[in-house]
């Protein structure tokens, strides 16, 4: 490559390829993870990945054996997996990958005999409050701001200015509307 333009183009393509390879290594879930910062300065955006049904302890406690499929669906929602080869089994799976929180995966399996629920098996499920706390990354630290003024602060405020007296306005009699007037047919026919 004696042409300087070709050499510059080749170097640019090599750098772009190297950048793609390094970026790809950090995105593989099973491969070694790069640090959260690239070159110590840039923090890449990590997308939240939420899949499946959120099923909490309170939801499962309402389900009883013998309930129909429609009753179970009303309480737990539609199953994530309703396999045609295992028509008597519904799987509710929930996974979440979110920046700043731990990876979560839970499974609930409903087994039916005909239209009636025979058994319900589940991983340890969090309560609704525990679930919200586990995904809440916007925790506010410190003391909340005071939104009211004390009596001393209210007295320290400047007094409001008195409004200027309104000039006596003379009201002219209203003029009748000029121009063509329209009449509309009644909404209901007699």
Protein backbone atom coordinates (compact mmCIF):
# COMPACT_ATOMS: atom_id res chain seq x y z
CA UNK A 1 0.00 0.00 0.00
CA UNK A 2 1.95 2.91 -1.23
CA UNK A 3 -1.06 5.13 -1.61
CA UNK A 4 -1.47 7.24 1.58
CA UNK A 5 -5.23 7.51 1.09
CA UNK A 6 -5.63 3.71 1.01
CA UNK A 7 -3.40 3.37 4.08
CA UNK A 8 -5.51 5.92 6.03
CA UNK A 9 -8.72 4.17 4.96
CA UNK A 10 -7.33 0.79 6.05
CA UNK A 11 -6.28 2.16 9.44
CA UNK A 12 -9.72 3.69 9.97
CA UNK A 13 -11.41 0.38 9.12
CA UNK A 14 -9.08 -1.50 11.49
CA UNK A 15 -9.84 0.91 14.35
CA UNK A 16 -13.57 0.67 13.69
CA UNK A 17 -13.38 -3.14 13.65
CA UNK A 18 -11.37 -3.16 16.88
CA UNK A 19 -13.97 -0.89 18.50
CA UNK A 20 -16.78 -3.23 17.44
CA UNK A 21 -14.93 -6.28 18.77
CA UNK A 22 -14.27 -4.63 22.12
CA UNK A 23 -17.85 -3.41 22.39
CA UNK A 24 -19.16 -6.88 21.54
CA UNK A 25 -17.06 -8.49 24.27
CA UNK A 26 -18.71 -6.32 26.88
CA UNK A 27 -22.21 -7.18 25.72
CA UNK A 28 -22.03 -10.97 25.87
CA UNK A 29 -23.84 -12.21 28.97
CA UNK A 30 -21.67 -15.32 29.39
CA UNK A 31 -18.30 -13.84 28.42
CA UNK A 32 -16.00 -11.82 30.63
CA UNK A 33 -17.53 -8.47 31.46
CA UNK A 34 -15.64 -5.31 30.80
CA UNK A 35 -15.65 -2.72 33.53
CA UNK A 36 -18.57 -0.34 33.61
CA UNK A 37 -16.38 2.36 32.14
CA UNK A 38 -14.63 2.30 28.78
CA UNK A 39 -11.22 3.95 28.84
CA UNK A 40 -12.06 5.16 32.36
CA UNK A 41 -14.26 7.96 31.02
CA UNK A 42 -17.27 6.68 29.04
CA UNK A 43 -20.05 4.72 30.73
CA UNK A 44 -22.04 2.72 28.18
CA UNK A 45 -25.82 2.66 28.41
CA UNK A 46 -27.13 -0.70 29.52
CA UNK A 47 -30.70 -1.41 28.47
CA UNK A 48 -33.19 -2.82 30.98
CA UNK A 49 -34.38 -6.26 29.92
CA UNK A 50 -37.63 -7.37 31.55
CA UNK A 51 -39.27 -10.57 30.35
CA UNK A 52 -42.24 -12.55 31.53
CA UNK A 53 -44.84 -12.17 34.23
CA UNK A 54 -44.32 -10.52 37.60
CA UNK A 55 -45.83 -12.96 40.09
CA UNK A 56 -45.64 -12.02 43.77
CA UNK A 57 -46.24 -13.98 46.96
CA UNK A 58 -49.61 -12.26 47.48
CA UNK A 59 -50.78 -13.31 44.02
CA UNK A 60 -49.87 -16.97 44.57
CA UNK A 61 -51.53 -17.02 48.01
CA UNK A 62 -54.90 -16.26 46.36
CA UNK A 63 -54.66 -19.26 44.02
CA UNK A 64 -56.34 -22.48 45.23
CA UNK A 65 -56.29 -26.00 43.84
CA UNK A 66 -59.45 -26.81 41.92
CA UNK A 67 -59.67 -23.35 40.32
CA UNK A 68 -60.41 -23.24 36.61
CA UNK A 69 -57.89 -22.11 34.03
CA UNK A 70 -59.72 -18.82 33.55
CA UNK A 71 -59.65 -18.13 37.31
CA UNK A 72 -55.90 -18.79 37.44
CA UNK A 73 -55.40 -16.55 34.42
CA UNK A 74 -57.34 -13.76 36.15
CA UNK A 75 -55.12 -13.98 39.24
CA UNK A 76 -51.69 -14.62 37.68
CA UNK A 77 -52.10 -13.32 34.14
CA UNK A 78 -51.47 -15.16 30.91
CA UNK A 79 -48.67 -17.71 31.15
CA UNK A 80 -45.41 -16.96 29.40
CA UNK A 81 -45.18 -20.57 28.25
CA UNK A 82 -48.29 -22.55 27.34
CA UNK A 83 -46.79 -25.43 25.39
CA UNK A 84 -48.92 -27.32 22.88
CA UNK A 85 -47.06 -30.54 23.80
CA UNK A 86 -47.76 -30.05 27.53
CA UNK A 87 -51.24 -28.55 27.46
CA UNK A 88 -51.82 -29.24 31.17
CA UNK A 89 -48.81 -27.16 32.24
CA UNK A 90 -48.47 -23.38 32.37
CA UNK A 91 -45.15 -21.75 33.15
CA UNK A 92 -44.86 -18.22 34.48
CA UNK A 93 -41.27 -17.06 34.14
CA UNK A 94 -39.92 -13.67 35.12
CA UNK A 95 -36.42 -12.34 34.47
CA UNK A 96 -35.00 -8.87 34.82
CA UNK A 97 -31.59 -7.49 33.95
CA UNK A 98 -31.33 -3.90 35.00
CA UNK A 99 -28.34 -1.67 35.52
CA UNK A 100 -27.71 -1.09 39.20
CA UNK A 101 -29.73 -4.08 40.42
CA UNK A 102 -29.06 -7.80 40.81
CA UNK A 103 -30.22 -10.20 38.09
CA UNK A 104 -33.55 -11.76 39.04
CA UNK A 105 -35.22 -14.92 37.77
CA UNK A 106 -38.31 -16.62 39.17
CA UNK A 107 -40.55 -19.43 37.97
CA UNK A 108 -44.10 -20.51 38.83
CA UNK A 109 -45.56 -23.68 37.31
CA UNK A 110 -49.28 -24.49 37.27
CA UNK A 111 -50.31 -28.09 36.59
CA UNK A 112 -53.89 -28.76 35.49
CA UNK A 113 -55.98 -31.88 35.30
CA UNK A 114 -58.60 -31.10 32.69
CA UNK A 115 -59.78 -27.57 33.48
CA UNK A 116 -59.03 -27.69 37.24
CA UNK A 117 -55.75 -26.63 38.86
CA UNK A 118 -54.04 -29.66 40.39
CA UNK A 119 -50.87 -28.06 41.81
CA UNK A 120 -48.88 -24.86 41.83
CA UNK A 121 -45.11 -24.96 42.27
CA UNK A 122 -42.97 -21.85 42.60
CA UNK A 123 -39.57 -20.52 43.51
CA UNK A 124 -39.40 -18.34 46.60
CA UNK A 125 -41.35 -15.26 45.59
CA UNK A 126 -40.98 -11.75 46.98
CA UNK A 127 -43.86 -9.74 48.36
CA UNK A 128 -45.04 -6.81 46.25
CA UNK A 129 -43.15 -4.37 48.47
CA UNK A 130 -39.93 -6.44 48.34
CA UNK A 131 -40.19 -6.68 44.55
CA UNK A 132 -40.55 -2.92 44.13
CA UNK A 133 -37.63 -2.30 46.49
CA UNK A 134 -35.46 -4.79 44.59
CA UNK A 135 -35.89 -2.95 41.28
CA UNK A 136 -35.94 0.62 42.63
CA UNK A 137 -32.60 2.19 41.69
CA UNK A 138 -33.67 5.78 42.34
CA UNK A 139 -33.21 5.70 46.08
CA UNK A 140 -33.05 9.20 47.47
CA UNK A 141 -30.32 9.72 50.00
CA UNK A 142 -30.26 12.39 52.63
CA UNK A 143 -32.96 14.35 54.35
CA UNK A 144 -36.05 15.37 52.36
CA UNK A 145 -36.39 19.12 51.78
CA UNK A 146 -38.71 21.11 54.03
CA UNK A 147 -41.59 22.50 51.97
CA UNK A 148 -43.13 24.83 54.55
CA UNK A 149 -41.92 28.12 56.00
CA UNK A 150 -41.65 28.62 59.74
CA UNK A 151 -43.38 31.54 61.47
CA UNK A 152 -40.09 33.46 61.64
CA UNK A 153 -39.49 32.95 57.91
CA UNK A 154 -43.02 34.11 57.10
CA UNK A 155 -42.53 37.33 59.14
CA UNK A 156 -39.22 37.97 57.33
CA UNK A 157 -40.94 38.04 53.93
CA UNK A 158 -41.63 41.51 52.47
CA UNK A 159 -45.20 42.73 52.78
CA UNK A 160 -47.24 42.51 49.59
CA UNK A 161 -47.77 45.76 47.74
CA UNK A 162 -51.25 47.21 47.88
CA UNK A 163 -53.14 47.08 44.61
CA UNK A 164 -53.86 50.43 42.95
CA UNK A 165 -57.54 51.38 43.21
CA UNK A 166 -59.35 50.52 40.04
CA UNK A 167 -60.57 53.47 38.03
CA UNK A 168 -64.32 53.67 37.88
CA UNK A 169 -65.15 52.21 34.55
CA UNK A 170 -68.18 53.49 32.78
CA UNK A 171 -70.07 50.71 31.24
CA UNK A 172 -71.59 51.44 27.89
CA UNK A 173 -74.81 49.65 27.08
CA UNK A 174 -74.22 46.52 25.06
CA UNK A 175 -74.85 46.92 21.36
CA UNK A 176 -76.98 44.38 19.61
CA UNK A 177 -75.06 42.00 17.36
CA UNK A 178 -74.87 43.26 13.84
CA UNK A 179 -74.79 41.17 10.72
CA UNK A 180 -76.84 38.22 9.58
CA UNK A 181 -78.28 35.99 12.24
CA UNK A 182 -78.61 32.27 11.80
CA UNK A 183 -81.32 30.00 12.90
CA UNK A 184 -80.71 26.33 13.39
CA UNK A 185 -83.26 23.53 13.18
CA UNK A 186 -84.19 21.87 16.47
CA UNK A 187 -82.12 18.83 17.46
CA UNK A 188 -85.14 16.66 18.00
CA UNK A 189 -87.98 16.46 15.56
CA UNK A 190 -91.42 16.86 17.18
